Amino acid sequence: MTAQDVMDVVAKDMMFYETSGGGLTISGGEPLSQFDFNQEILRLAKEKGIHTCIETSGCASTDKLLRVAPYVDLFLYDFKESDEEKHKEFTGVSRRTIIDNLLTIDNAGAKTILRCPIIPTYNNRDQHFSQIAKTANLLQNIVEVNIMPYHPMGASKAMRIGQHYPIADIGFPKDDEIDDWLQKVSSETSVAVKKG
């Protein structure tokens, strides 16, 4: 499909966007890895007055983020791990560029929701919760922080495609554990903190 083909489908739901206040969200994988295509979809959506949102890990060139920013009403921005070495171990990349990009788009006026997946035994540490709050406090245009409790639903998908799922044995966190995570972040920031 071309970007225009996608927009033709999206535009069929204009009545729903106008009623709900919703719009177009581009997710992935990493949408910025298909930059030209997704930038064009976002540009066309803005021309039609559709609210636009993009989910990103922030692991992209700063130039691409700044070029797409004028067409994005809201960035759903991943904050997976606050410790540099653990971030490299878990994701395979440094977090430095990701954080630099977050600060850069914030300085450019981009609105963000910081999305923080929490995986028991991996990143449910007090220091990590504190760093989430500290990062939120650095941002001028942040809308909220989403604490996203781990769920093991990806295990069955991995099995179906013959992939090993290294965290399949971790179950759903309990409600009181999630409440504790929310409180830990909330206690160090005035930014709204919600379960995502």
N, C-alpha and C. Protein backbone atom coordinates (compact mmCIF):
# COMPACT_ATOMS: atom_id res chain seq x y z
N MET A 1 0.84 -1.19 0.00
CA MET A 1 0.00 0.00 0.00
C MET A 1 0.88 1.25 0.00
N THR A 2 0.37 2.29 -0.60
CA THR A 2 1.04 3.58 -0.52
C THR A 2 0.52 4.31 0.72
N ALA A 3 1.19 5.39 1.08
CA ALA A 3 0.72 6.20 2.21
C ALA A 3 -0.70 6.71 1.93
N GLN A 4 -0.97 7.08 0.69
CA GLN A 4 -2.32 7.56 0.34
C GLN A 4 -3.35 6.44 0.47
N ASP A 5 -2.97 5.20 0.10
CA ASP A 5 -3.88 4.06 0.27
C ASP A 5 -4.25 3.89 1.74
N VAL A 6 -3.26 4.00 2.61
CA VAL A 6 -3.50 3.88 4.05
C VAL A 6 -4.44 4.99 4.51
N MET A 7 -4.17 6.21 4.07
CA MET A 7 -5.02 7.33 4.48
C MET A 7 -6.45 7.21 3.97
N ASP A 8 -6.63 6.61 2.80
CA ASP A 8 -7.98 6.40 2.29
C ASP A 8 -8.78 5.49 3.24
N VAL A 9 -8.11 4.49 3.80
CA VAL A 9 -8.75 3.59 4.77
C VAL A 9 -8.99 4.34 6.08
N VAL A 10 -7.98 5.05 6.56
CA VAL A 10 -8.09 5.78 7.82
C VAL A 10 -9.22 6.82 7.75
N ALA A 11 -9.32 7.50 6.64
CA ALA A 11 -10.31 8.58 6.49
C ALA A 11 -11.75 8.09 6.57
N LYS A 12 -11.95 6.79 6.33
CA LYS A 12 -13.31 6.24 6.41
C LYS A 12 -13.88 6.34 7.83
N ASP A 13 -13.01 6.47 8.82
CA ASP A 13 -13.45 6.53 10.21
C ASP A 13 -13.43 7.94 10.79
N MET A 14 -13.41 8.96 9.95
CA MET A 14 -13.36 10.34 10.42
C MET A 14 -14.46 10.65 11.43
N MET A 15 -15.65 10.13 11.19
CA MET A 15 -16.78 10.39 12.09
C MET A 15 -16.45 9.89 13.51
N PHE A 16 -15.79 8.75 13.60
CA PHE A 16 -15.45 8.20 14.91
C PHE A 16 -14.37 9.04 15.60
N TYR A 17 -13.37 9.51 14.83
CA TYR A 17 -12.32 10.35 15.42
C TYR A 17 -12.93 11.64 15.97
N GLU A 18 -13.84 12.23 15.20
CA GLU A 18 -14.44 13.49 15.61
C GLU A 18 -15.29 13.31 16.86
N THR A 19 -15.96 12.16 16.99
CA THR A 19 -16.81 11.89 18.14
C THR A 19 -15.99 11.54 19.38
N SER A 20 -14.96 10.73 19.20
CA SER A 20 -14.20 10.20 20.34
C SER A 20 -12.99 11.05 20.72
N GLY A 21 -12.54 11.89 19.80
CA GLY A 21 -11.29 12.62 20.02
C GLY A 21 -10.08 11.76 19.70
N GLY A 22 -10.30 10.59 19.14
CA GLY A 22 -9.21 9.68 18.78
C GLY A 22 -8.56 10.07 17.47
N GLY A 23 -7.78 9.17 16.93
CA GLY A 23 -7.10 9.45 15.69
C GLY A 23 -6.25 8.29 15.23
N LEU A 24 -5.13 8.61 14.64
CA LEU A 24 -4.23 7.64 14.03
C LEU A 24 -3.02 7.42 14.92
N THR A 25 -2.74 6.15 15.24
CA THR A 25 -1.53 5.79 15.96
C THR A 25 -0.70 4.87 15.10
N ILE A 26 0.56 5.22 14.92
CA ILE A 26 1.48 4.36 14.18
C ILE A 26 2.37 3.66 15.20
N SER A 27 2.39 2.33 15.09
CA SER A 27 3.23 1.54 16.00
C SER A 27 4.04 0.56 15.17
N GLY A 28 4.67 -0.39 15.83
CA GLY A 28 5.54 -1.30 15.08
C GLY A 28 5.71 -2.59 15.83
N GLY A 29 6.88 -3.07 15.76
CA GLY A 29 8.24 -2.66 15.55
C GLY A 29 8.48 -1.17 15.80
N GLU A 30 9.52 -0.71 15.20
CA GLU A 30 9.90 0.70 15.32
C GLU A 30 9.45 1.44 14.06
N PRO A 31 8.43 2.29 14.16
CA PRO A 31 7.92 3.00 12.98
C PRO A 31 8.96 3.84 12.27
N LEU A 32 9.94 4.36 13.01
CA LEU A 32 10.92 5.23 12.37
C LEU A 32 11.89 4.45 11.48
N SER A 33 11.84 3.12 11.54
CA SER A 33 12.67 2.34 10.62
C SER A 33 12.06 2.31 9.22
N GLN A 34 10.80 2.70 9.10
CA GLN A 34 10.16 2.90 7.80
C GLN A 34 9.78 4.38 7.71
N PHE A 35 10.80 5.20 7.82
CA PHE A 35 10.61 6.62 8.06
C PHE A 35 9.80 7.32 6.96
N ASP A 36 10.22 7.22 5.70
CA ASP A 36 9.57 7.99 4.63
C ASP A 36 8.08 7.65 4.54
N PHE A 37 7.76 6.37 4.60
CA PHE A 37 6.38 5.92 4.50
C PHE A 37 5.54 6.46 5.66
N ASN A 38 6.04 6.30 6.87
CA ASN A 38 5.28 6.74 8.04
C ASN A 38 5.22 8.26 8.16
N GLN A 39 6.27 8.95 7.77
CA GLN A 39 6.21 10.41 7.79
C GLN A 39 5.14 10.91 6.82
N GLU A 40 5.03 10.27 5.67
CA GLU A 40 4.02 10.68 4.70
C GLU A 40 2.61 10.40 5.22
N ILE A 41 2.40 9.27 5.88
CA ILE A 41 1.09 8.98 6.47
C ILE A 41 0.74 10.05 7.50
N LEU A 42 1.70 10.38 8.36
CA LEU A 42 1.45 11.40 9.38
C LEU A 42 1.16 12.76 8.76
N ARG A 43 1.89 13.11 7.72
CA ARG A 43 1.68 14.39 7.04
C ARG A 43 0.27 14.46 6.45
N LEU A 44 -0.13 13.38 5.79
CA LEU A 44 -1.47 13.34 5.19
C LEU A 44 -2.56 13.39 6.27
N ALA A 45 -2.33 12.72 7.38
CA ALA A 45 -3.30 12.74 8.48
C ALA A 45 -3.46 14.16 9.02
N LYS A 46 -2.35 14.86 9.21
CA LYS A 46 -2.42 16.24 9.72
C LYS A 46 -3.16 17.14 8.73
N GLU A 47 -2.97 16.92 7.44
CA GLU A 47 -3.70 17.70 6.42
C GLU A 47 -5.20 17.53 6.58
N LYS A 48 -5.63 16.33 7.01
CA LYS A 48 -7.06 16.05 7.17
C LYS A 48 -7.56 16.41 8.57
N GLY A 49 -6.66 16.92 9.43
CA GLY A 49 -7.07 17.30 10.78
C GLY A 49 -7.22 16.13 11.74
N ILE A 50 -6.57 15.01 11.43
CA ILE A 50 -6.65 13.82 12.28
C ILE A 50 -5.56 13.89 13.34
N HIS A 51 -5.93 13.62 14.59
CA HIS A 51 -4.94 13.56 15.69
C HIS A 51 -3.98 12.42 15.40
N THR A 52 -2.67 12.68 15.57
CA THR A 52 -1.65 11.68 15.25
C THR A 52 -0.81 11.33 16.46
N CYS A 53 -0.43 10.08 16.50
CA CYS A 53 0.36 9.55 17.60
C CYS A 53 1.34 8.53 17.02
N ILE A 54 2.53 8.47 17.58
CA ILE A 54 3.50 7.46 17.14
C ILE A 54 4.13 6.81 18.37
N GLU A 55 4.20 5.48 18.33
CA GLU A 55 4.89 4.73 19.38
C GLU A 55 6.33 4.55 18.93
N THR A 56 7.28 4.87 19.80
CA THR A 56 8.68 4.75 19.42
C THR A 56 9.55 4.36 20.59
N SER A 57 10.62 3.65 20.26
CA SER A 57 11.64 3.33 21.26
C SER A 57 12.61 4.50 21.40
N GLY A 58 12.55 5.44 20.45
CA GLY A 58 13.49 6.56 20.45
C GLY A 58 14.85 6.17 19.92
N CYS A 59 15.00 4.93 19.49
CA CYS A 59 16.28 4.44 18.97
C CYS A 59 16.31 4.70 17.47
N ALA A 60 16.52 5.96 17.13
CA ALA A 60 16.51 6.41 15.74
C ALA A 60 17.40 7.65 15.67
N SER A 61 17.63 8.11 14.47
CA SER A 61 18.43 9.33 14.35
C SER A 61 17.63 10.52 14.87
N THR A 62 18.32 11.43 15.51
CA THR A 62 17.68 12.64 16.01
C THR A 62 17.03 13.40 14.87
N ASP A 63 17.69 13.42 13.74
CA ASP A 63 17.17 14.12 12.56
C ASP A 63 15.79 13.59 12.18
N LYS A 64 15.63 12.27 12.17
CA LYS A 64 14.33 11.69 11.81
C LYS A 64 13.25 12.08 12.82
N LEU A 65 13.58 12.03 14.10
CA LEU A 65 12.60 12.41 15.11
C LEU A 65 12.17 13.87 14.96
N LEU A 66 13.13 14.73 14.70
CA LEU A 66 12.80 16.15 14.54
C LEU A 66 12.03 16.41 13.25
N ARG A 67 12.31 15.65 12.21
CA ARG A 67 11.60 15.82 10.94
C ARG A 67 10.16 15.34 11.02
N VAL A 68 9.91 14.30 11.83
CA VAL A 68 8.55 13.78 11.94
C VAL A 68 7.73 14.54 12.99
N ALA A 69 8.41 15.17 13.93
CA ALA A 69 7.73 15.82 15.06
C ALA A 69 6.62 16.81 14.66
N PRO A 70 6.78 17.62 13.61
CA PRO A 70 5.70 18.55 13.26
C PRO A 70 4.37 17.87 12.90
N TYR A 71 4.43 16.58 12.57
CA TYR A 71 3.23 15.85 12.16
C TYR A 71 2.69 14.95 13.28
N VAL A 72 3.31 15.01 14.46
CA VAL A 72 2.94 14.12 15.56
C VAL A 72 2.36 14.94 16.70
N ASP A 73 1.13 14.62 17.09
CA ASP A 73 0.51 15.30 18.23
C ASP A 73 0.99 14.72 19.55
N LEU A 74 1.34 13.44 19.55
CA LEU A 74 1.73 12.77 20.79
C LEU A 74 2.70 11.63 20.51
N PHE A 75 3.82 11.64 21.21
CA PHE A 75 4.78 10.53 21.15
C PHE A 75 4.52 9.61 22.33
N LEU A 76 4.34 8.32 22.06
CA LEU A 76 4.33 7.29 23.10
C LEU A 76 5.75 6.75 23.13
N TYR A 77 6.51 7.18 24.13
CA TYR A 77 7.96 7.01 24.13
C TYR A 77 8.39 5.99 25.18
N ASP A 78 9.06 4.93 24.72
CA ASP A 78 9.50 3.86 25.62
C ASP A 78 10.60 4.31 26.58
N PHE A 79 10.48 3.85 27.81
CA PHE A 79 11.54 4.01 28.82
C PHE A 79 11.67 2.65 29.48
N LYS A 80 12.54 1.81 28.90
CA LYS A 80 12.58 0.40 29.29
C LYS A 80 13.49 0.12 30.47
N GLU A 81 14.60 0.82 30.53
CA GLU A 81 15.59 0.52 31.58
C GLU A 81 16.43 1.75 31.82
N SER A 82 16.68 2.08 33.09
CA SER A 82 17.43 3.29 33.43
C SER A 82 18.93 3.04 33.62
N ASP A 83 19.33 1.81 33.83
CA ASP A 83 20.74 1.48 34.00
C ASP A 83 21.36 1.18 32.64
N GLU A 84 22.44 1.87 32.31
CA GLU A 84 23.05 1.75 30.98
C GLU A 84 23.45 0.31 30.65
N GLU A 85 24.14 -0.36 31.56
CA GLU A 85 24.61 -1.72 31.27
C GLU A 85 23.44 -2.69 31.13
N LYS A 86 22.45 -2.56 31.99
CA LYS A 86 21.27 -3.43 31.88
C LYS A 86 20.51 -3.14 30.58
N HIS A 87 20.43 -1.88 30.21
CA HIS A 87 19.75 -1.52 28.96
C HIS A 87 20.44 -2.20 27.79
N LYS A 88 21.76 -2.14 27.75
CA LYS A 88 22.50 -2.82 26.67
C LYS A 88 22.25 -4.32 26.69
N GLU A 89 22.27 -4.91 27.90
CA GLU A 89 22.05 -6.35 28.03
C GLU A 89 20.65 -6.75 27.56
N PHE A 90 19.64 -6.00 27.96
CA PHE A 90 18.25 -6.38 27.67
C PHE A 90 17.82 -6.02 26.25
N THR A 91 18.31 -4.91 25.72
CA THR A 91 17.82 -4.43 24.41
C THR A 91 18.85 -4.52 23.30
N GLY A 92 20.13 -4.64 23.67
CA GLY A 92 21.18 -4.70 22.66
C GLY A 92 21.71 -3.35 22.24
N VAL A 93 21.17 -2.26 22.80
CA VAL A 93 21.63 -0.92 22.43
C VAL A 93 21.82 -0.05 23.68
N SER A 94 22.62 1.00 23.52
CA SER A 94 22.79 1.98 24.58
C SER A 94 21.53 2.80 24.74
N ARG A 95 21.31 3.29 25.93
CA ARG A 95 20.15 4.15 26.17
C ARG A 95 20.48 5.62 25.95
N ARG A 96 21.74 5.95 25.74
CA ARG A 96 22.15 7.36 25.65
C ARG A 96 21.44 8.10 24.51
N THR A 97 21.47 7.52 23.32
CA THR A 97 20.81 8.17 22.18
C THR A 97 19.31 8.31 22.44
N ILE A 98 18.71 7.29 23.04
CA ILE A 98 17.28 7.29 23.32
C ILE A 98 16.92 8.45 24.25
N ILE A 99 17.69 8.63 25.31
CA ILE A 99 17.43 9.72 26.26
C ILE A 99 17.74 11.07 25.62
N ASP A 100 18.84 11.16 24.89
CA ASP A 100 19.15 12.41 24.19
C ASP A 100 18.02 12.80 23.24
N ASN A 101 17.49 11.81 22.51
CA ASN A 101 16.39 12.09 21.59
C ASN A 101 15.13 12.54 22.33
N LEU A 102 14.86 11.92 23.46
CA LEU A 102 13.70 12.33 24.26
C LEU A 102 13.82 13.79 24.69
N LEU A 103 14.98 14.17 25.18
CA LEU A 103 15.19 15.55 25.62
C LEU A 103 15.13 16.52 24.43
N THR A 104 15.63 16.08 23.29
CA THR A 104 15.63 16.94 22.10
C THR A 104 14.22 17.21 21.60
N ILE A 105 13.39 16.16 21.51
CA ILE A 105 12.03 16.41 21.02
C ILE A 105 11.21 17.19 22.05
N ASP A 106 11.50 16.97 23.33
CA ASP A 106 10.83 17.76 24.37
C ASP A 106 11.19 19.23 24.22
N ASN A 107 12.46 19.52 24.00
CA ASN A 107 12.90 20.91 23.79
C ASN A 107 12.27 21.53 22.56
N ALA A 108 11.92 20.67 21.58
CA ALA A 108 11.27 21.15 20.36
C ALA A 108 9.76 21.31 20.54
N GLY A 109 9.26 20.98 21.74
CA GLY A 109 7.84 21.17 22.04
C GLY A 109 6.96 19.94 21.88
N ALA A 110 7.56 18.79 21.59
CA ALA A 110 6.76 17.58 21.39
C ALA A 110 6.14 17.10 22.69
N LYS A 111 4.88 16.72 22.63
CA LYS A 111 4.19 16.15 23.78
C LYS A 111 4.49 14.65 23.83
N THR A 112 4.72 14.15 25.06
CA THR A 112 5.05 12.74 25.20
C THR A 112 4.30 12.09 26.36
N ILE A 113 4.08 10.80 26.20
CA ILE A 113 3.73 9.93 27.30
C ILE A 113 4.91 8.98 27.45
N LEU A 114 5.50 8.96 28.62
CA LEU A 114 6.62 8.07 28.89
C LEU A 114 6.04 6.72 29.26
N ARG A 115 6.33 5.70 28.45
CA ARG A 115 5.77 4.37 28.65
C ARG A 115 6.84 3.45 29.21
N CYS A 116 6.57 2.91 30.39
CA CYS A 116 7.59 2.19 31.16
C CYS A 116 7.14 0.76 31.43
N PRO A 117 7.56 -0.19 30.57
CA PRO A 117 7.23 -1.59 30.86
C PRO A 117 8.01 -2.06 32.08
N ILE A 118 7.31 -2.68 33.02
CA ILE A 118 7.95 -3.17 34.25
C ILE A 118 7.87 -4.70 34.25
N ILE A 119 9.05 -5.32 34.30
CA ILE A 119 9.16 -6.77 34.26
C ILE A 119 9.78 -7.26 35.57
N PRO A 120 9.01 -7.97 36.39
CA PRO A 120 9.55 -8.47 37.66
C PRO A 120 10.85 -9.25 37.46
N THR A 121 11.75 -9.03 38.38
CA THR A 121 13.12 -9.58 38.43
C THR A 121 14.06 -8.93 37.42
N TYR A 122 13.55 -8.09 36.53
CA TYR A 122 14.41 -7.39 35.57
C TYR A 122 14.56 -5.92 35.91
N ASN A 123 13.45 -5.19 35.98
CA ASN A 123 13.58 -3.75 36.20
C ASN A 123 12.61 -3.21 37.26
N ASN A 124 12.11 -4.05 38.12
CA ASN A 124 11.21 -3.57 39.18
C ASN A 124 12.02 -3.19 40.42
N ARG A 125 13.01 -2.33 40.22
CA ARG A 125 13.90 -1.87 41.29
C ARG A 125 13.54 -0.45 41.69
N ASP A 126 13.73 -0.15 42.99
CA ASP A 126 13.46 1.20 43.48
C ASP A 126 14.26 2.24 42.71
N GLN A 127 15.52 1.93 42.41
CA GLN A 127 16.36 2.88 41.67
C GLN A 127 15.77 3.18 40.29
N HIS A 128 15.23 2.16 39.63
CA HIS A 128 14.62 2.36 38.32
C HIS A 128 13.37 3.24 38.43
N PHE A 129 12.54 2.99 39.44
CA PHE A 129 11.34 3.81 39.62
C PHE A 129 11.72 5.27 39.88
N SER A 130 12.77 5.47 40.65
CA SER A 130 13.25 6.82 40.93
C SER A 130 13.72 7.50 39.65
N GLN A 131 14.42 6.75 38.79
CA GLN A 131 14.93 7.31 37.53
C GLN A 131 13.79 7.64 36.57
N ILE A 132 12.73 6.85 36.59
CA ILE A 132 11.56 7.17 35.76
C ILE A 132 11.04 8.54 36.17
N ALA A 133 10.87 8.75 37.47
CA ALA A 133 10.36 10.03 37.98
C ALA A 133 11.32 11.17 37.63
N LYS A 134 12.62 10.95 37.82
CA LYS A 134 13.60 12.00 37.52
C LYS A 134 13.59 12.38 36.04
N THR A 135 13.42 11.38 35.19
CA THR A 135 13.35 11.67 33.75
C THR A 135 12.09 12.46 33.44
N ALA A 136 10.97 12.06 34.01
CA ALA A 136 9.72 12.80 33.80
C ALA A 136 9.88 14.25 34.25
N ASN A 137 10.59 14.45 35.34
CA ASN A 137 10.77 15.81 35.88
C ASN A 137 11.62 16.69 34.97
N LEU A 138 12.40 16.09 34.08
CA LEU A 138 13.23 16.87 33.15
C LEU A 138 12.43 17.40 31.96
N LEU A 139 11.26 16.84 31.73
CA LEU A 139 10.50 17.12 30.51
C LEU A 139 9.47 18.22 30.74
N GLN A 140 9.46 19.19 29.85
CA GLN A 140 8.53 20.31 29.94
C GLN A 140 7.17 20.00 29.32
N ASN A 141 7.15 19.06 28.38
CA ASN A 141 5.93 18.81 27.60
C ASN A 141 5.36 17.42 27.82
N ILE A 142 5.74 16.79 28.92
CA ILE A 142 5.25 15.44 29.20
C ILE A 142 3.78 15.50 29.60
N VAL A 143 3.01 14.55 29.11
CA VAL A 143 1.58 14.46 29.42
C VAL A 143 1.37 13.59 30.65
N GLU A 144 2.01 12.42 30.66
CA GLU A 144 1.91 11.51 31.79
C GLU A 144 2.95 10.41 31.68
N VAL A 145 3.07 9.64 32.75
CA VAL A 145 3.91 8.45 32.79
C VAL A 145 2.98 7.25 32.85
N ASN A 146 3.21 6.28 31.99
CA ASN A 146 2.45 5.02 32.04
C ASN A 146 3.34 3.91 32.56
N ILE A 147 2.93 3.30 33.66
CA ILE A 147 3.60 2.12 34.18
C ILE A 147 2.87 0.93 33.56
N MET A 148 3.60 0.13 32.80
CA MET A 148 3.00 -0.94 32.02
C MET A 148 3.45 -2.30 32.56
N PRO A 149 2.60 -2.91 33.40
CA PRO A 149 2.98 -4.19 33.99
C PRO A 149 3.18 -5.29 32.94
N TYR A 150 4.19 -6.08 33.16
CA TYR A 150 4.48 -7.20 32.27
C TYR A 150 3.29 -8.16 32.19
N HIS A 151 3.07 -8.68 30.99
CA HIS A 151 2.12 -9.79 30.84
C HIS A 151 2.79 -10.85 29.96
N PRO A 152 2.57 -12.12 30.25
CA PRO A 152 3.27 -13.20 29.54
C PRO A 152 2.62 -13.61 28.23
N MET A 153 1.79 -12.76 27.65
CA MET A 153 1.06 -13.15 26.44
C MET A 153 1.95 -13.35 25.23
N GLY A 154 3.14 -12.77 25.25
CA GLY A 154 4.05 -12.96 24.11
C GLY A 154 4.65 -14.34 24.04
N ALA A 155 4.58 -15.11 25.14
CA ALA A 155 5.18 -16.45 25.17
C ALA A 155 4.55 -17.37 24.15
N SER A 156 3.22 -17.35 24.06
CA SER A 156 2.55 -18.25 23.11
C SER A 156 2.85 -17.85 21.67
N LYS A 157 2.97 -16.54 21.43
CA LYS A 157 3.30 -16.08 20.07
C LYS A 157 4.70 -16.57 19.69
N ALA A 158 5.63 -16.45 20.63
CA ALA A 158 7.00 -16.89 20.36
C ALA A 158 7.03 -18.39 20.05
N MET A 159 6.28 -19.17 20.81
CA MET A 159 6.24 -20.62 20.58
C MET A 159 5.71 -20.93 19.18
N ARG A 160 4.67 -20.21 18.75
CA ARG A 160 4.07 -20.47 17.43
C ARG A 160 5.04 -20.24 16.29
N ILE A 161 6.00 -19.32 16.48
CA ILE A 161 6.96 -19.06 15.41
C ILE A 161 8.32 -19.70 15.68
N GLY A 162 8.35 -20.57 16.70
CA GLY A 162 9.57 -21.33 16.98
C GLY A 162 10.68 -20.54 17.64
N GLN A 163 10.33 -19.47 18.35
CA GLN A 163 11.32 -18.64 19.02
C GLN A 163 11.36 -18.94 20.52
N HIS A 164 12.55 -18.86 21.09
CA HIS A 164 12.72 -18.98 22.54
C HIS A 164 12.24 -17.70 23.20
N TYR A 165 11.49 -17.81 24.29
CA TYR A 165 10.98 -16.65 25.02
C TYR A 165 11.58 -16.68 26.41
N PRO A 166 12.64 -15.92 26.65
CA PRO A 166 13.43 -16.08 27.88
C PRO A 166 12.71 -15.71 29.18
N ILE A 167 11.60 -15.00 29.10
CA ILE A 167 10.91 -14.61 30.33
C ILE A 167 9.51 -15.22 30.42
N ALA A 168 9.34 -16.38 29.82
CA ALA A 168 8.03 -17.05 29.79
C ALA A 168 7.57 -17.46 31.18
N ASP A 169 8.48 -17.69 32.11
CA ASP A 169 8.11 -18.18 33.44
C ASP A 169 7.63 -17.07 34.37
N ILE A 170 7.77 -15.81 33.96
CA ILE A 170 7.32 -14.70 34.79
C ILE A 170 5.82 -14.52 34.57
N GLY A 171 5.05 -14.54 35.64
CA GLY A 171 3.60 -14.40 35.51
C GLY A 171 3.15 -12.96 35.64
N PHE A 172 1.85 -12.79 35.67
CA PHE A 172 1.25 -11.46 35.85
C PHE A 172 1.59 -10.93 37.24
N PRO A 173 2.02 -9.67 37.36
CA PRO A 173 2.22 -9.10 38.70
C PRO A 173 0.87 -8.91 39.40
N LYS A 174 0.90 -8.97 40.72
CA LYS A 174 -0.33 -8.79 41.51
C LYS A 174 -0.70 -7.30 41.57
N ASP A 175 -1.98 -7.03 41.79
CA ASP A 175 -2.47 -5.65 41.83
C ASP A 175 -1.76 -4.81 42.88
N ASP A 176 -1.50 -5.38 44.07
CA ASP A 176 -0.84 -4.59 45.11
C ASP A 176 0.60 -4.27 44.74
N GLU A 177 1.23 -5.15 43.98
CA GLU A 177 2.59 -4.89 43.50
C GLU A 177 2.58 -3.74 42.49
N ILE A 178 1.61 -3.76 41.60
CA ILE A 178 1.49 -2.68 40.60
C ILE A 178 1.19 -1.35 41.31
N ASP A 179 0.31 -1.37 42.29
CA ASP A 179 0.00 -0.16 43.06
C ASP A 179 1.26 0.40 43.72
N ASP A 180 2.10 -0.49 44.21
CA ASP A 180 3.36 -0.08 44.84
C ASP A 180 4.28 0.60 43.82
N TRP A 181 4.36 0.06 42.61
CA TRP A 181 5.17 0.67 41.56
C TRP A 181 4.66 2.07 41.23
N LEU A 182 3.36 2.19 41.08
CA LEU A 182 2.76 3.49 40.77
C LEU A 182 3.07 4.51 41.87
N GLN A 183 2.95 4.07 43.12
CA GLN A 183 3.23 4.96 44.25
C GLN A 183 4.68 5.40 44.28
N LYS A 184 5.59 4.46 44.01
CA LYS A 184 7.02 4.79 44.05
C LYS A 184 7.36 5.87 43.04
N VAL A 185 6.81 5.78 41.84
CA VAL A 185 7.08 6.81 40.83
C VAL A 185 6.36 8.10 41.20
N SER A 186 5.10 7.99 41.58
CA SER A 186 4.30 9.19 41.92
C SER A 186 4.90 9.99 43.06
N SER A 187 5.56 9.32 43.98
CA SER A 187 6.10 10.02 45.15
C SER A 187 7.25 10.95 44.80
N GLU A 188 7.81 10.83 43.59
CA GLU A 188 8.96 11.63 43.22
C GLU A 188 8.71 12.56 42.04
N THR A 189 7.46 12.66 41.60
CA THR A 189 7.16 13.54 40.47
C THR A 189 5.75 14.11 40.61
N SER A 190 5.54 15.27 40.05
CA SER A 190 4.18 15.84 40.00
C SER A 190 3.47 15.49 38.71
N VAL A 191 4.16 14.79 37.80
CA VAL A 191 3.56 14.34 36.56
C VAL A 191 2.58 13.21 36.87
N ALA A 192 1.44 13.18 36.18
CA ALA A 192 0.46 12.11 36.38
C ALA A 192 1.10 10.77 36.07
N VAL A 193 0.91 9.79 36.96
CA VAL A 193 1.44 8.44 36.78
C VAL A 193 0.25 7.49 36.78
N LYS A 194 0.12 6.72 35.69
CA LYS A 194 -1.03 5.84 35.54
C LYS A 194 -0.58 4.44 35.10
N LYS A 195 -1.42 3.47 35.39
CA LYS A 195 -1.19 2.13 34.86
C LYS A 195 -1.50 2.15 33.36
N GLY A 196 -0.58 1.68 32.56
CA GLY A 196 -0.76 1.68 31.11
C GLY A 196 -1.18 0.35 30.57
